[in-house]
Amino acid sequence: MAIHEDEFLQRRHVYEEHAYVLDFLPYGRSSEKSRHLAVPTVQIMGEQFFTLLEAELKIGATVLVHERIYIGVSVGRRLTEFLPGSAMTSSRRMRRRR
């Protein structure tokens, strides 16, 4: 299926307001080499566009798996930043297949 250029440009800037927590990594990703610098990480799926994202939590913030969280730009967000790269670890992909 071909995507027209206008449609592609519209899809490029998709922002989510809320997301559901798929996985919570309290000690960051296991692939990180310096464990003392590890930051709690969450893997989330956007509510409206089903965007897969990985983000770092603010210090002191906690989340539960399957919890709906706010990820918009307004005050009250529990995330510090979104991380580039794969949105799911291999352990999460394995659990999803079961």
PDB file of N, CA and C in Angstrom:
ATOM      1  N   MET A   1       0.845  -1.167   0.000  1.00  0.00           N
ATOM      2  CA  MET A   1       0.000   0.000   0.000  1.00  0.00           C
ATOM      3  C   MET A   1       0.899   1.243   0.000  1.00  0.00           C
ATOM      4  N   ALA A   2       0.683   2.121  -0.926  1.00  0.00           N
ATOM      5  CA  ALA A   2       1.485   3.341  -1.029  1.00  0.00           C
ATOM      6  C   ALA A   2       0.926   4.431  -0.114  1.00  0.00           C
ATOM      7  N   ILE A   3       1.816   5.169   0.497  1.00  0.00           N
ATOM      8  CA  ILE A   3       1.405   6.286   1.340  1.00  0.00           C
ATOM      9  C   ILE A   3       1.739   7.574   0.604  1.00  0.00           C
ATOM     10  N   HIS A   4       0.740   8.431   0.462  1.00  0.00           N
ATOM     11  CA  HIS A   4       0.967   9.709  -0.201  1.00  0.00           C
ATOM     12  C   HIS A   4       1.839  10.595   0.678  1.00  0.00           C
ATOM     13  N   GLU A   5       2.566  11.510   0.057  1.00  0.00           N
ATOM     14  CA  GLU A   5       3.491  12.363   0.795  1.00  0.00           C
ATOM     15  C   GLU A   5       2.780  13.199   1.849  1.00  0.00           C
ATOM     16  N   ASP A   6       1.606  13.728   1.543  1.00  0.00           N
ATOM     17  CA  ASP A   6       0.851  14.530   2.521  1.00  0.00           C
ATOM     18  C   ASP A   6       0.475  13.695   3.736  1.00  0.00           C
ATOM     19  N   GLU A   7       0.039  12.487   3.485  1.00  0.00           N
ATOM     20  CA  GLU A   7      -0.345  11.592   4.576  1.00  0.00           C
ATOM     21  C   GLU A   7       0.871  11.241   5.435  1.00  0.00           C
ATOM     22  N   PHE A   8       2.018  11.036   4.811  1.00  0.00           N
ATOM     23  CA  PHE A   8       3.245  10.729   5.542  1.00  0.00           C
ATOM     24  C   PHE A   8       3.635  11.894   6.451  1.00  0.00           C
ATOM     25  N   LEU A   9       3.573  13.121   5.938  1.00  0.00           N
ATOM     26  CA  LEU A   9       3.931  14.292   6.734  1.00  0.00           C
ATOM     27  C   LEU A   9       2.985  14.479   7.913  1.00  0.00           C
ATOM     28  N   GLN A  10       1.719  14.156   7.749  1.00  0.00           N
ATOM     29  CA  GLN A  10       0.761  14.271   8.843  1.00  0.00           C
ATOM     30  C   GLN A  10       1.050  13.241   9.925  1.00  0.00           C
ATOM     31  N   ARG A  11       1.456  12.052   9.554  1.00  0.00           N
ATOM     32  CA  ARG A  11       1.731  10.987  10.519  1.00  0.00           C
ATOM     33  C   ARG A  11       3.057  11.187  11.251  1.00  0.00           C
ATOM     34  N   ARG A  12       3.944  11.977  10.691  1.00  0.00           N
ATOM     35  CA  ARG A  12       5.278  12.135  11.239  1.00  0.00           C
ATOM     36  C   ARG A  12       5.283  12.722  12.642  1.00  0.00           C
ATOM     37  N   HIS A  13       4.391  13.646  12.940  1.00  0.00           N
ATOM     38  CA  HIS A  13       4.357  14.313  14.236  1.00  0.00           C
ATOM     39  C   HIS A  13       3.133  13.871  15.018  1.00  0.00           C
ATOM     40  N   VAL A  14       3.216  12.706  15.584  1.00  0.00           N
ATOM     41  CA  VAL A  14       2.121  12.148  16.366  1.00  0.00           C
ATOM     42  C   VAL A  14       2.475  12.280  17.837  1.00  0.00           C
ATOM     43  N   TYR A  15       1.594  12.878  18.599  1.00  0.00           N
ATOM     44  CA  TYR A  15       1.827  13.055  20.027  1.00  0.00           C
ATOM     45  C   TYR A  15       0.739  12.346  20.813  1.00  0.00           C
ATOM     46  N   GLU A  16       1.152  11.664  21.836  1.00  0.00           N
ATOM     47  CA  GLU A  16       0.222  10.951  22.706  1.00  0.00           C
ATOM     48  C   GLU A  16       0.037  11.736  24.003  1.00  0.00           C
ATOM     49  N   GLU A  17      -1.144  11.685  24.571  1.00  0.00           N
ATOM     50  CA  GLU A  17      -1.410  12.311  25.866  1.00  0.00           C
ATOM     51  C   GLU A  17      -1.314  11.292  27.003  1.00  0.00           C
ATOM     52  N   HIS A  18      -1.795  10.085  26.747  1.00  0.00           N
ATOM     53  CA  HIS A  18      -1.795   9.029  27.758  1.00  0.00           C
ATOM     54  C   HIS A  18      -1.221   7.757  27.160  1.00  0.00           C
ATOM     55  N   ALA A  19      -0.685   6.921  28.035  1.00  0.00           N
ATOM     56  CA  ALA A  19      -0.115   5.642  27.592  1.00  0.00           C
ATOM     57  C   ALA A  19      -0.314   4.601  28.683  1.00  0.00           C
ATOM     58  N   TYR A  20      -0.193   3.357  28.299  1.00  0.00           N
ATOM     59  CA  TYR A  20      -0.284   2.240  29.241  1.00  0.00           C
ATOM     60  C   TYR A  20       1.098   1.626  29.417  1.00  0.00           C
ATOM     61  N   VAL A  21       1.436   1.309  30.647  1.00  0.00           N
ATOM     62  CA  VAL A  21       2.746   0.736  30.965  1.00  0.00           C
ATOM     63  C   VAL A  21       2.743  -0.736  30.565  1.00  0.00           C
ATOM     64  N   LEU A  22       3.660  -1.106  29.672  1.00  0.00           N
ATOM     65  CA  LEU A  22       3.815  -2.498  29.261  1.00  0.00           C
ATOM     66  C   LEU A  22       4.831  -3.222  30.130  1.00  0.00           C
ATOM     67  N   ASP A  23       5.886  -2.507  30.513  1.00  0.00           N
ATOM     68  CA  ASP A  23       6.946  -3.118  31.298  1.00  0.00           C
ATOM     69  C   ASP A  23       7.623  -2.029  32.131  1.00  0.00           C
ATOM     70  N   PHE A  24       8.020  -2.376  33.352  1.00  0.00           N
ATOM     71  CA  PHE A  24       8.718  -1.460  34.249  1.00  0.00           C
ATOM     72  C   PHE A  24      10.055  -2.079  34.601  1.00  0.00           C
ATOM     73  N   LEU A  25      11.129  -1.359  34.316  1.00  0.00           N
ATOM     74  CA  LEU A  25      12.481  -1.830  34.582  1.00  0.00           C
ATOM     75  C   LEU A  25      13.079  -0.937  35.671  1.00  0.00           C
ATOM     76  N   PRO A  26      12.965  -1.330  36.949  1.00  0.00           N
ATOM     77  CA  PRO A  26      13.405  -0.458  38.039  1.00  0.00           C
ATOM     78  C   PRO A  26      14.893  -0.151  38.022  1.00  0.00           C
ATOM     79  N   TYR A  27      15.698  -1.017  37.405  1.00  0.00           N
ATOM     80  CA  TYR A  27      17.145  -0.811  37.340  1.00  0.00           C
ATOM     81  C   TYR A  27      17.615  -0.528  35.921  1.00  0.00           C
ATOM     82  N   GLY A  28      16.741  -0.055  35.078  1.00  0.00           N
ATOM     83  CA  GLY A  28      17.094   0.252  33.687  1.00  0.00           C
ATOM     84  C   GLY A  28      17.197  -1.009  32.851  1.00  0.00           C
ATOM     85  N   ARG A  29      17.703  -0.857  31.660  1.00  0.00           N
ATOM     86  CA  ARG A  29      17.860  -1.992  30.749  1.00  0.00           C
ATOM     87  C   ARG A  29      19.055  -2.840  31.163  1.00  0.00           C
ATOM     88  N   SER A  30      18.954  -4.133  30.998  1.00  0.00           N
ATOM     89  CA  SER A  30      20.044  -5.037  31.374  1.00  0.00           C
ATOM     90  C   SER A  30      21.248  -4.885  30.446  1.00  0.00           C
ATOM     91  N   SER A  31      21.050  -4.287  29.292  1.00  0.00           N
ATOM     92  CA  SER A  31      22.156  -4.113  28.344  1.00  0.00           C
ATOM     93  C   SER A  31      23.053  -2.923  28.691  1.00  0.00           C
ATOM     94  N   GLU A  32      22.629  -2.099  29.643  1.00  0.00           N
ATOM     95  CA  GLU A  32      23.450  -0.951  30.031  1.00  0.00           C
ATOM     96  C   GLU A  32      24.689  -1.432  30.784  1.00  0.00           C
ATOM     97  N   LYS A  33      25.830  -0.883  30.445  1.00  0.00           N
ATOM     98  CA  LYS A  33      27.082  -1.351  31.031  1.00  0.00           C
ATOM     99  C   LYS A  33      27.316  -0.810  32.434  1.00  0.00           C
ATOM    100  N   SER A  34      26.984   0.441  32.689  1.00  0.00           N
ATOM    101  CA  SER A  34      27.245   1.016  34.013  1.00  0.00           C
ATOM    102  C   SER A  34      25.974   0.979  34.855  1.00  0.00           C
ATOM    103  N   ARG A  35      25.884  -0.026  35.682  1.00  0.00           N
ATOM    104  CA  ARG A  35      24.691  -0.225  36.513  1.00  0.00           C
ATOM    105  C   ARG A  35      24.497   0.896  37.521  1.00  0.00           C
ATOM    106  N   HIS A  36      25.577   1.548  37.950  1.00  0.00           N
ATOM    107  CA  HIS A  36      25.430   2.622  38.930  1.00  0.00           C
ATOM    108  C   HIS A  36      24.776   3.864  38.318  1.00  0.00           C
ATOM    109  N   LEU A  37      24.740   3.954  36.988  1.00  0.00           N
ATOM    110  CA  LEU A  37      24.095   5.071  36.308  1.00  0.00           C
ATOM    111  C   LEU A  37      22.705   4.709  35.795  1.00  0.00           C
ATOM    112  N   ALA A  38      22.269   3.494  36.060  1.00  0.00           N
ATOM    113  CA  ALA A  38      20.986   3.026  35.547  1.00  0.00           C
ATOM    114  C   ALA A  38      19.838   3.851  36.125  1.00  0.00           C
ATOM    115  N   VAL A  39      18.876   4.157  35.272  1.00  0.00           N
ATOM    116  CA  VAL A  39      17.711   4.944  35.642  1.00  0.00           C
ATOM    117  C   VAL A  39      16.471   4.076  35.436  1.00  0.00           C
ATOM    118  N   PRO A  40      15.495   4.130  36.354  1.00  0.00           N
ATOM    119  CA  PRO A  40      14.269   3.361  36.137  1.00  0.00           C
ATOM    120  C   PRO A  40      13.641   3.709  34.789  1.00  0.00           C
ATOM    121  N   THR A  41      13.278   2.677  34.054  1.00  0.00           N
ATOM    122  CA  THR A  41      12.779   2.840  32.698  1.00  0.00           C
ATOM    123  C   THR A  41      11.420   2.162  32.564  1.00  0.00           C
ATOM    124  N   VAL A  42      10.546   2.767  31.756  1.00  0.00           N
ATOM    125  CA  VAL A  42       9.257   2.157  31.453  1.00  0.00           C
ATOM    126  C   VAL A  42       9.111   1.998  29.953  1.00  0.00           C
ATOM    127  N   GLN A  43       8.456   0.946  29.575  1.00  0.00           N
ATOM    128  CA  GLN A  43       8.108   0.725  28.185  1.00  0.00           C
ATOM    129  C   GLN A  43       6.601   0.882  28.112  1.00  0.00           C
ATOM    130  N   ILE A  44       6.158   1.794  27.261  1.00  0.00           N
ATOM    131  CA  ILE A  44       4.752   2.180  27.249  1.00  0.00           C
ATOM    132  C   ILE A  44       4.188   2.143  25.836  1.00  0.00           C
ATOM    133  N   MET A  45       2.850   2.054  25.755  1.00  0.00           N
ATOM    134  CA  MET A  45       2.150   2.091  24.475  1.00  0.00           C
ATOM    135  C   MET A  45       1.120   3.200  24.538  1.00  0.00           C
ATOM    136  N   GLY A  46       1.181   4.102  23.561  1.00  0.00           N
ATOM    137  CA  GLY A  46       0.262   5.228  23.504  1.00  0.00           C
ATOM    138  C   GLY A  46      -1.178   4.777  23.375  1.00  0.00           C
ATOM    139  N   GLU A  47      -2.067   5.539  23.980  1.00  0.00           N
ATOM    140  CA  GLU A  47      -3.484   5.187  24.011  1.00  0.00           C
ATOM    141  C   GLU A  47      -4.188   5.454  22.683  1.00  0.00           C
ATOM    142  N   GLN A  48      -3.858   6.545  22.017  1.00  0.00           N
ATOM    143  CA  GLN A  48      -4.591   6.922  20.813  1.00  0.00           C
ATOM    144  C   GLN A  48      -4.006   6.321  19.536  1.00  0.00           C
ATOM    145  N   PHE A  49      -2.683   6.388  19.370  1.00  0.00           N
ATOM    146  CA  PHE A  49      -2.044   5.927  18.137  1.00  0.00           C
ATOM    147  C   PHE A  49      -1.253   4.633  18.322  1.00  0.00           C
ATOM    148  N   PHE A  50      -1.269   4.062  19.526  1.00  0.00           N
ATOM    149  CA  PHE A  50      -0.571   2.807  19.846  1.00  0.00           C
ATOM    150  C   PHE A  50       0.940   2.904  19.579  1.00  0.00           C
ATOM    151  N   THR A  51       1.507   4.062  19.836  1.00  0.00           N
ATOM    152  CA  THR A  51       2.931   4.295  19.653  1.00  0.00           C
ATOM    153  C   THR A  51       3.709   3.577  20.747  1.00  0.00           C
ATOM    154  N   LEU A  52       4.724   2.795  20.371  1.00  0.00           N
ATOM    155  CA  LEU A  52       5.573   2.135  21.356  1.00  0.00           C
ATOM    156  C   LEU A  52       6.709   3.067  21.744  1.00  0.00           C
ATOM    157  N   LEU A  53       6.861   3.313  23.046  1.00  0.00           N
ATOM    158  CA  LEU A  53       7.866   4.250  23.542  1.00  0.00           C
ATOM    159  C   LEU A  53       8.599   3.658  24.731  1.00  0.00           C
ATOM    160  N   GLU A  54       9.790   4.156  24.948  1.00  0.00           N
ATOM    161  CA  GLU A  54      10.561   3.805  26.134  1.00  0.00           C
ATOM    162  C   GLU A  54      10.972   5.125  26.767  1.00  0.00           C
ATOM    163  N   ALA A  55      10.821   5.242  28.087  1.00  0.00           N
ATOM    164  CA  ALA A  55      11.105   6.516  28.747  1.00  0.00           C
ATOM    165  C   ALA A  55      11.726   6.280  30.117  1.00  0.00           C
ATOM    166  N   GLU A  56      12.426   7.308  30.602  1.00  0.00           N
ATOM    167  CA  GLU A  56      12.997   7.271  31.950  1.00  0.00           C
ATOM    168  C   GLU A  56      12.019   7.923  32.915  1.00  0.00           C
ATOM    169  N   LEU A  57      11.933   7.368  34.120  1.00  0.00           N
ATOM    170  CA  LEU A  57      11.062   7.930  35.148  1.00  0.00           C
ATOM    171  C   LEU A  57      11.781   9.019  35.931  1.00  0.00           C
ATOM    172  N   LYS A  58      11.005   9.958  36.437  1.00  0.00           N
ATOM    173  CA  LYS A  58      11.567  10.957  37.342  1.00  0.00           C
ATOM    174  C   LYS A  58      11.954  10.271  38.644  1.00  0.00           C
ATOM    175  N   ILE A  59      12.876  10.864  39.383  1.00  0.00           N
ATOM    176  CA  ILE A  59      13.311  10.300  40.664  1.00  0.00           C
ATOM    177  C   ILE A  59      12.133  10.288  41.628  1.00  0.00           C
ATOM    178  N   GLY A  60      11.898   9.146  42.246  1.00  0.00           N
ATOM    179  CA  GLY A  60      10.813   8.997  43.199  1.00  0.00           C
ATOM    180  C   GLY A  60       9.485   8.588  42.593  1.00  0.00           C
ATOM    181  N   ALA A  61       9.361   8.610  41.274  1.00  0.00           N
ATOM    182  CA  ALA A  61       8.112   8.214  40.622  1.00  0.00           C
ATOM    183  C   ALA A  61       8.030   6.697  40.533  1.00  0.00           C
ATOM    184  N   THR A  62       6.853   6.163  40.709  1.00  0.00           N
ATOM    185  CA  THR A  62       6.636   4.720  40.577  1.00  0.00           C
ATOM    186  C   THR A  62       5.452   4.486  39.650  1.00  0.00           C
ATOM    187  N   VAL A  63       5.454   3.361  38.994  1.00  0.00           N
ATOM    188  CA  VAL A  63       4.359   2.975  38.107  1.00  0.00           C
ATOM    189  C   VAL A  63       4.085   1.487  38.282  1.00  0.00           C
ATOM    190  N   LEU A  64       2.938   1.065  37.835  1.00  0.00           N
ATOM    191  CA  LEU A  64       2.568  -0.344  37.829  1.00  0.00           C
ATOM    192  C   LEU A  64       2.347  -0.785  36.389  1.00  0.00           C
ATOM    193  N   VAL A  65       2.624  -2.039  36.108  1.00  0.00           N
ATOM    194  CA  VAL A  65       2.351  -2.583  34.782  1.00  0.00           C
ATOM    195  C   VAL A  65       0.845  -2.517  34.548  1.00  0.00           C
ATOM    196  N   HIS A  66       0.434  -2.134  33.356  1.00  0.00           N
ATOM    197  CA  HIS A  66      -0.946  -1.940  32.907  1.00  0.00           C
ATOM    198  C   HIS A  66      -1.565  -0.635  33.404  1.00  0.00           C
ATOM    199  N   GLU A  67      -0.810   0.167  34.124  1.00  0.00           N
ATOM    200  CA  GLU A  67      -1.323   1.448  34.607  1.00  0.00           C
ATOM    201  C   GLU A  67      -1.387   2.457  33.461  1.00  0.00           C
ATOM    202  N   ARG A  68      -2.430   3.277  33.454  1.00  0.00           N
ATOM    203  CA  ARG A  68      -2.560   4.360  32.478  1.00  0.00           C
ATOM    204  C   ARG A  68      -1.860   5.587  33.069  1.00  0.00           C
ATOM    205  N   ILE A  69      -0.894   6.144  32.315  1.00  0.00           N
ATOM    206  CA  ILE A  69      -0.147   7.298  32.816  1.00  0.00           C
ATOM    207  C   ILE A  69      -0.234   8.443  31.809  1.00  0.00           C
ATOM    208  N   TYR A  70      -0.053   9.652  32.320  1.00  0.00           N
ATOM    209  CA  TYR A  70      -0.056  10.843  31.481  1.00  0.00           C
ATOM    210  C   TYR A  70       1.349  11.073  30.933  1.00  0.00           C
ATOM    211  N   ILE A  71       1.476  11.257  29.615  1.00  0.00           N
ATOM    212  CA  ILE A  71       2.789  11.484  29.016  1.00  0.00           C
ATOM    213  C   ILE A  71       2.810  12.772  28.197  1.00  0.00           C
ATOM    214  N   GLY A  72       1.796  13.608  28.339  1.00  0.00           N
ATOM    215  CA  GLY A  72       1.715  14.862  27.587  1.00  0.00           C
ATOM    216  C   GLY A  72       2.758  15.866  28.048  1.00  0.00           C
ATOM    217  N   VAL A  73       2.675  17.074  27.518  1.00  0.00           N
ATOM    218  CA  VAL A  73       3.679  18.095  27.801  1.00  0.00           C
ATOM    219  C   VAL A  73       3.353  18.949  29.019  1.00  0.00           C
ATOM    220  N   SER A  74       2.174  18.848  29.569  1.00  0.00           N
ATOM    221  CA  SER A  74       1.786  19.663  30.726  1.00  0.00           C
ATOM    222  C   SER A  74       2.449  19.189  32.002  1.00  0.00           C
ATOM    223  N   VAL A  75       2.284  19.965  33.057  1.00  0.00           N
ATOM    224  CA  VAL A  75       2.840  19.633  34.376  1.00  0.00           C
ATOM    225  C   VAL A  75       2.167  18.368  34.907  1.00  0.00           C
ATOM    226  N   GLY A  76       2.916  17.589  35.660  1.00  0.00           N
ATOM    227  CA  GLY A  76       2.365  16.391  36.262  1.00  0.00           C
ATOM    228  C   GLY A  76       2.842  15.109  35.623  1.00  0.00           C
ATOM    229  N   ARG A  77       3.684  15.220  34.639  1.00  0.00           N
ATOM    230  CA  ARG A  77       4.209  14.037  33.962  1.00  0.00           C
ATOM    231  C   ARG A  77       5.260  13.379  34.842  1.00  0.00           C
ATOM    232  N   ARG A  78       5.276  12.053  34.891  1.00  0.00           N
ATOM    233  CA  ARG A  78       6.219  11.307  35.722  1.00  0.00           C
ATOM    234  C   ARG A  78       7.492  10.906  34.977  1.00  0.00           C
ATOM    235  N   LEU A  79       7.621  11.313  33.737  1.00  0.00           N
ATOM    236  CA  LEU A  79       8.753  10.909  32.915  1.00  0.00           C
ATOM    237  C   LEU A  79       9.752  12.041  32.778  1.00  0.00           C
ATOM    238  N   THR A  80      11.032  11.705  32.638  1.00  0.00           N
ATOM    239  CA  THR A  80      12.041  12.742  32.403  1.00  0.00           C
ATOM    240  C   THR A  80      12.306  12.896  30.918  1.00  0.00           C
ATOM    241  N   GLU A  81      12.433  11.793  30.200  1.00  0.00           N
ATOM    242  CA  GLU A  81      12.691  11.882  28.761  1.00  0.00           C
ATOM    243  C   GLU A  81      12.337  10.571  28.075  1.00  0.00           C
ATOM    244  N   PHE A  82      12.079  10.672  26.777  1.00  0.00           N
ATOM    245  CA  PHE A  82      11.835   9.497  25.964  1.00  0.00           C
ATOM    246  C   PHE A  82      13.156   9.044  25.380  1.00  0.00           C
ATOM    247  N   LEU A  83      13.351   7.746  25.294  1.00  0.00           N
ATOM    248  CA  LEU A  83      14.615   7.176  24.836  1.00  0.00           C
ATOM    249  C   LEU A  83      14.495   6.681  23.407  1.00  0.00           C
ATOM    250  N   PRO A  84      15.542   6.845  22.609  1.00  0.00           N
ATOM    251  CA  PRO A  84      15.516   6.323  21.247  1.00  0.00           C
ATOM    252  C   PRO A  84      15.749   4.819  21.241  1.00  0.00           C
ATOM    253  N   GLY A  85      15.460   4.207  20.130  1.00  0.00           N
ATOM    254  CA  GLY A  85      15.753   2.784  19.991  1.00  0.00           C
ATOM    255  C   GLY A  85      14.538   1.914  20.169  1.00  0.00           C
ATOM    256  N   SER A  86      14.789   0.640  20.369  1.00  0.00           N
ATOM    257  CA  SER A  86      13.726  -0.346  20.492  1.00  0.00           C
ATOM    258  C   SER A  86      12.837  -0.045  21.693  1.00  0.00           C
ATOM    259  N   ALA A  87      11.558  -0.201  21.506  1.00  0.00           N
ATOM    260  CA  ALA A  87      10.612   0.109  22.582  1.00  0.00           C
ATOM    261  C   ALA A  87      10.348  -1.086  23.488  1.00  0.00           C
ATOM    262  N   MET A  88      10.823  -2.257  23.115  1.00  0.00           N
ATOM    263  CA  MET A  88      10.570  -3.426  23.944  1.00  0.00           C
ATOM    264  C   MET A  88      11.823  -4.267  24.093  1.00  0.00           C
ATOM    265  N   THR A  89      12.054  -4.738  25.299  1.00  0.00           N
ATOM    266  CA  THR A  89      13.175  -5.646  25.522  1.00  0.00           C
ATOM    267  C   THR A  89      12.797  -7.023  25.029  1.00  0.00           C
ATOM    268  N   SER A  90      13.766  -7.903  24.911  1.00  0.00           N
ATOM    269  CA  SER A  90      13.482  -9.265  24.450  1.00  0.00           C
ATOM    270  C   SER A  90      12.609 -10.011  25.447  1.00  0.00           C
ATOM    271  N   SER A  91      12.740  -9.715  26.747  1.00  0.00           N
ATOM    272  CA  SER A  91      11.899 -10.402  27.735  1.00  0.00           C
ATOM    273  C   SER A  91      10.440 -10.016  27.561  1.00  0.00           C
ATOM    274  N   ARG A  92      10.168  -8.760  27.235  1.00  0.00           N
ATOM    275  CA  ARG A  92       8.791  -8.323  27.007  1.00  0.00           C
ATOM    276  C   ARG A  92       8.229  -8.975  25.759  1.00  0.00           C
ATOM    277  N   ARG A  93       9.022  -9.085  24.692  1.00  0.00           N
ATOM    278  CA  ARG A  93       8.549  -9.737  23.474  1.00  0.00           C
ATOM    279  C   ARG A  93       8.212 -11.201  23.754  1.00  0.00           C
ATOM    280  N   MET A  94       9.008 -11.874  24.575  1.00  0.00           N
ATOM    281  CA  MET A  94       8.753 -13.273  24.909  1.00  0.00           C
ATOM    282  C   MET A  94       7.443 -13.419  25.675  1.00  0.00           C
ATOM    283  N   ARG A  95       7.201 -12.538  26.638  1.00  0.00           N
ATOM    284  CA  ARG A  95       5.959 -12.614  27.421  1.00  0.00           C
ATOM    285  C   ARG A  95       4.750 -12.327  26.547  1.00  0.00           C
ATOM    286  N   ARG A  96       4.908 -11.452  25.554  1.00  0.00           N
ATOM    287  CA  ARG A  96       3.795 -11.101  24.685  1.00  0.00           C
ATOM    288  C   ARG A  96       3.391 -12.274  23.801  1.00  0.00           C
ATOM    289  N   ARG A  97       4.335 -13.140  23.458  1.00  0.00           N
ATOM    290  CA  ARG A  97       4.059 -14.292  22.574  1.00  0.00           C
ATOM    291  C   ARG A  97       3.263 -15.378  23.269  1.00  0.00           C
ATOM    292  N   ARG A  98       3.332 -15.444  24.592  1.00  0.00           N
ATOM    293  CA  ARG A  98       2.668 -16.538  25.327  1.00  0.00           C
ATOM    294  C   ARG A  98       1.169 -16.426  25.285  1.00  0.00           C
TER     295      ARG A  98
END
